[in-house]
Amino acid sequence: MDEVLLDAMAEHRQVLARIEDAAVRIARGEDETGQEYDDALAHAERVGAWEIEALSSQLLDGFGLADIDRMRDVASLSGGQRPCLSVAWLLIRSPETLLLDEPTNHLDDRGMDLLASMVVSWRGLSF
């Protein structure tokens, strides 16, 4: 399960590494404009890179997956847990557009409420 979560957070971790790398180059005087740093900061803000761990925990808890060992193989999850992990993976990746087909299947009331609140506040949402 941890492998799936790390995959979902890959972009967030990469942009945070870009920020750190750019900051080191600025401190060394290798980058006088700081443009790469500014770009990386804007990207990190756009994808919520600093909040990704909290979001991941919130989703796992809300979808009833928080008590599962994160080292557990996805194939050993139940038929209801796998779709929940899949929706969590999608939301962690934070795409600009969501296309959801019956996303509340396998979610309890708490999970449905969490998903609904996230979808309603999703950036770019229009009806």
C-alpha atoms as a PDB file:
ATOM      1  CA  MET A   1       0.000   0.000   0.000  1.00  0.00           C
ATOM      2  CA  ASP A   2       2.873   2.345   0.779  1.00  0.00           C
ATOM      3  CA  GLU A   3       4.173   1.949  -2.781  1.00  0.00           C
ATOM      4  CA  VAL A   4       0.848   3.192  -4.154  1.00  0.00           C
ATOM      5  CA  LEU A   5       0.878   6.192  -1.822  1.00  0.00           C
ATOM      6  CA  LEU A   6       4.475   7.066  -2.672  1.00  0.00           C
ATOM      7  CA  ASP A   7       3.576   6.902  -6.355  1.00  0.00           C
ATOM      8  CA  ALA A   8       0.677   9.268  -5.763  1.00  0.00           C
ATOM      9  CA  MET A   9       2.973  11.726  -3.971  1.00  0.00           C
ATOM     10  CA  ALA A  10       5.831  11.524  -6.495  1.00  0.00           C
ATOM     11  CA  GLU A  11       5.144  14.888  -8.158  1.00  0.00           C
ATOM     12  CA  HIS A  12       4.844  16.598  -4.777  1.00  0.00           C
ATOM     13  CA  ARG A  13       8.138  15.163  -3.564  1.00  0.00           C
ATOM     14  CA  GLN A  14       9.876  16.061  -6.833  1.00  0.00           C
ATOM     15  CA  VAL A  15       8.787  19.690  -6.704  1.00  0.00           C
ATOM     16  CA  LEU A  16       9.907  19.986  -3.068  1.00  0.00           C
ATOM     17  CA  ALA A  17      13.296  18.587  -4.094  1.00  0.00           C
ATOM     18  CA  ARG A  18      13.441  21.156  -6.928  1.00  0.00           C
ATOM     19  CA  ILE A  19      12.813  23.930  -4.395  1.00  0.00           C
ATOM     20  CA  GLU A  20      15.573  22.664  -2.145  1.00  0.00           C
ATOM     21  CA  ASP A  21      18.007  22.273  -5.045  1.00  0.00           C
ATOM     22  CA  ALA A  22      17.235  25.746  -6.385  1.00  0.00           C
ATOM     23  CA  ALA A  23      17.668  27.259  -2.909  1.00  0.00           C
ATOM     24  CA  VAL A  24      21.110  25.659  -2.601  1.00  0.00           C
ATOM     25  CA  ARG A  25      22.129  27.029  -6.011  1.00  0.00           C
ATOM     26  CA  ILE A  26      20.909  30.506  -5.043  1.00  0.00           C
ATOM     27  CA  ALA A  27      22.875  30.346  -1.765  1.00  0.00           C
ATOM     28  CA  ARG A  28      25.997  29.389  -3.704  1.00  0.00           C
ATOM     29  CA  GLY A  29      25.469  32.284  -6.100  1.00  0.00           C
ATOM     30  CA  GLU A  30      24.904  29.921  -9.042  1.00  0.00           C
ATOM     31  CA  ASP A  31      21.437  31.279  -9.829  1.00  0.00           C
ATOM     32  CA  GLU A  32      21.126  35.028  -9.667  1.00  0.00           C
ATOM     33  CA  THR A  33      17.559  35.343 -10.952  1.00  0.00           C
ATOM     34  CA  GLY A  34      15.952  32.705  -8.765  1.00  0.00           C
ATOM     35  CA  GLN A  35      13.487  31.986 -11.569  1.00  0.00           C
ATOM     36  CA  GLU A  36      13.643  28.210 -11.147  1.00  0.00           C
ATOM     37  CA  TYR A  37      13.042  28.664  -7.415  1.00  0.00           C
ATOM     38  CA  ASP A  38      10.049  30.908  -8.105  1.00  0.00           C
ATOM     39  CA  ASP A  39       8.663  28.436 -10.651  1.00  0.00           C
ATOM     40  CA  ALA A  40       9.093  25.525  -8.271  1.00  0.00           C
ATOM     41  CA  LEU A  41       7.405  27.464  -5.464  1.00  0.00           C
ATOM     42  CA  ALA A  42       4.435  28.258  -7.691  1.00  0.00           C
ATOM     43  CA  HIS A  43       4.190  24.618  -8.765  1.00  0.00           C
ATOM     44  CA  ALA A  44       4.375  23.415  -5.152  1.00  0.00           C
ATOM     45  CA  GLU A  45       1.642  25.831  -4.153  1.00  0.00           C
ATOM     46  CA  ARG A  46      -0.551  24.776  -7.068  1.00  0.00           C
ATOM     47  CA  VAL A  47      -0.350  21.054  -6.201  1.00  0.00           C
ATOM     48  CA  GLY A  48      -0.409  21.511  -2.418  1.00  0.00           C
ATOM     49  CA  ALA A  49       3.015  19.944  -1.912  1.00  0.00           C
ATOM     50  CA  TRP A  50       3.343  21.036   1.720  1.00  0.00           C
ATOM     51  CA  GLU A  51      -0.037  19.602   2.674  1.00  0.00           C
ATOM     52  CA  ILE A  52       0.332  16.252   0.915  1.00  0.00           C
ATOM     53  CA  GLU A  53       1.197  14.170   3.983  1.00  0.00           C
ATOM     54  CA  ALA A  54      -1.773  15.597   5.893  1.00  0.00           C
ATOM     55  CA  LEU A  55      -4.047  15.024   2.892  1.00  0.00           C
ATOM     56  CA  SER A  56      -2.850  11.451   2.568  1.00  0.00           C
ATOM     57  CA  SER A  57      -3.557  10.776   6.243  1.00  0.00           C
ATOM     58  CA  GLN A  58      -6.966  12.451   6.004  1.00  0.00           C
ATOM     59  CA  LEU A  59      -7.938  10.323   3.006  1.00  0.00           C
ATOM     60  CA  LEU A  60      -6.709   7.060   4.504  1.00  0.00           C
ATOM     61  CA  ASP A  61      -8.599   7.804   7.697  1.00  0.00           C
ATOM     62  CA  GLY A  62     -11.754   8.966   5.935  1.00  0.00           C
ATOM     63  CA  PHE A  63     -11.794   5.968   3.601  1.00  0.00           C
ATOM     64  CA  GLY A  64     -11.229   3.463   6.410  1.00  0.00           C
ATOM     65  CA  LEU A  65      -7.670   2.564   5.433  1.00  0.00           C
ATOM     66  CA  ALA A  66      -5.712   4.210   8.248  1.00  0.00           C
ATOM     67  CA  ASP A  67      -5.426   1.089  10.401  1.00  0.00           C
ATOM     68  CA  ILE A  68      -4.041  -1.068   7.589  1.00  0.00           C
ATOM     69  CA  ASP A  69      -0.294  -1.694   7.636  1.00  0.00           C
ATOM     70  CA  ARG A  70       1.122   0.569   4.944  1.00  0.00           C
ATOM     71  CA  MET A  71       3.621  -2.133   3.976  1.00  0.00           C
ATOM     72  CA  ARG A  72       0.765  -4.494   3.126  1.00  0.00           C
ATOM     73  CA  ASP A  73       0.586  -5.649  -0.484  1.00  0.00           C
ATOM     74  CA  VAL A  74      -2.307  -4.111  -2.421  1.00  0.00           C
ATOM     75  CA  ALA A  75      -3.287  -7.545  -3.749  1.00  0.00           C
ATOM     76  CA  SER A  76      -4.081  -8.614  -0.173  1.00  0.00           C
ATOM     77  CA  LEU A  77      -6.591  -5.772   0.351  1.00  0.00           C
ATOM     78  CA  SER A  78     -10.281  -6.584   0.265  1.00  0.00           C
ATOM     79  CA  GLY A  79     -12.474  -5.921  -2.741  1.00  0.00           C
ATOM     80  CA  GLY A  80     -13.819  -2.819  -0.997  1.00  0.00           C
ATOM     81  CA  GLN A  81     -10.460  -1.492   0.204  1.00  0.00           C
ATOM     82  CA  ARG A  82      -8.807  -1.469  -3.220  1.00  0.00           C
ATOM     83  CA  PRO A  83     -11.298   0.979  -4.805  1.00  0.00           C
ATOM     84  CA  CYS A  84     -10.990   3.218  -1.739  1.00  0.00           C
ATOM     85  CA  LEU A  85      -7.207   3.232  -2.119  1.00  0.00           C
ATOM     86  CA  SER A  86      -7.634   3.966  -5.817  1.00  0.00           C
ATOM     87  CA  VAL A  87      -9.791   7.038  -5.119  1.00  0.00           C
ATOM     88  CA  ALA A  88      -7.301   8.171  -2.454  1.00  0.00           C
ATOM     89  CA  TRP A  89      -4.457   7.751  -4.986  1.00  0.00           C
ATOM     90  CA  LEU A  90      -6.335   9.907  -7.498  1.00  0.00           C
ATOM     91  CA  LEU A  91      -7.092  12.671  -5.006  1.00  0.00           C
ATOM     92  CA  ILE A  92      -3.519  12.705  -3.685  1.00  0.00           C
ATOM     93  CA  ARG A  93      -2.211  13.134  -7.236  1.00  0.00           C
ATOM     94  CA  SER A  94      -4.347  16.257  -7.410  1.00  0.00           C
ATOM     95  CA  PRO A  95      -5.143  16.376 -11.124  1.00  0.00           C
ATOM     96  CA  GLU A  96      -6.722  19.480 -12.585  1.00  0.00           C
ATOM     97  CA  THR A  97      -9.704  17.501 -13.792  1.00  0.00           C
ATOM     98  CA  LEU A  98     -11.611  14.709 -12.072  1.00  0.00           C
ATOM     99  CA  LEU A  99     -13.672  12.182 -13.970  1.00  0.00           C
ATOM    100  CA  LEU A 100     -15.350   9.938 -11.422  1.00  0.00           C
ATOM    101  CA  ASP A 101     -17.625   7.001 -12.196  1.00  0.00           C
ATOM    102  CA  GLU A 102     -19.522   5.839  -9.112  1.00  0.00           C
ATOM    103  CA  PRO A 103     -16.728   6.911  -6.758  1.00  0.00           C
ATOM    104  CA  THR A 104     -18.817   6.356  -3.636  1.00  0.00           C
ATOM    105  CA  ASN A 105     -19.056   2.603  -4.163  1.00  0.00           C
ATOM    106  CA  HIS A 106     -17.409   0.874  -1.190  1.00  0.00           C
ATOM    107  CA  LEU A 107     -17.387   4.086   0.887  1.00  0.00           C
ATOM    108  CA  ASP A 108     -19.204   4.399   4.172  1.00  0.00           C
ATOM    109  CA  ASP A 109     -21.006   7.607   5.164  1.00  0.00           C
ATOM    110  CA  ARG A 110     -17.831   9.172   6.518  1.00  0.00           C
ATOM    111  CA  GLY A 111     -15.918   8.406   3.313  1.00  0.00           C
ATOM    112  CA  MET A 112     -18.756   9.730   1.146  1.00  0.00           C
ATOM    113  CA  ASP A 113     -18.853  12.963   3.158  1.00  0.00           C
ATOM    114  CA  LEU A 114     -15.090  13.405   2.794  1.00  0.00           C
ATOM    115  CA  LEU A 115     -15.179  12.733  -0.937  1.00  0.00           C
ATOM    116  CA  ALA A 116     -18.131  15.071  -1.449  1.00  0.00           C
ATOM    117  CA  SER A 117     -16.435  17.903   0.441  1.00  0.00           C
ATOM    118  CA  MET A 118     -13.253  17.469  -1.582  1.00  0.00           C
ATOM    119  CA  VAL A 119     -15.045  17.330  -4.943  1.00  0.00           C
ATOM    120  CA  VAL A 120     -17.154  20.404  -4.190  1.00  0.00           C
ATOM    121  CA  SER A 121     -14.037  22.415  -3.355  1.00  0.00           C
ATOM    122  CA  TRP A 122     -11.900  21.003  -6.198  1.00  0.00           C
ATOM    123  CA  ARG A 123     -10.137  23.713  -8.168  1.00  0.00           C
ATOM    124  CA  GLY A 124     -11.535  24.237 -11.613  1.00  0.00           C
ATOM    125  CA  LEU A 125     -14.922  22.818 -10.669  1.00  0.00           C
ATOM    126  CA  SER A 126     -17.707  24.064 -12.855  1.00  0.00           C
ATOM    127  CA  PHE A 127     -21.248  22.937 -13.485  1.00  0.00           C
END
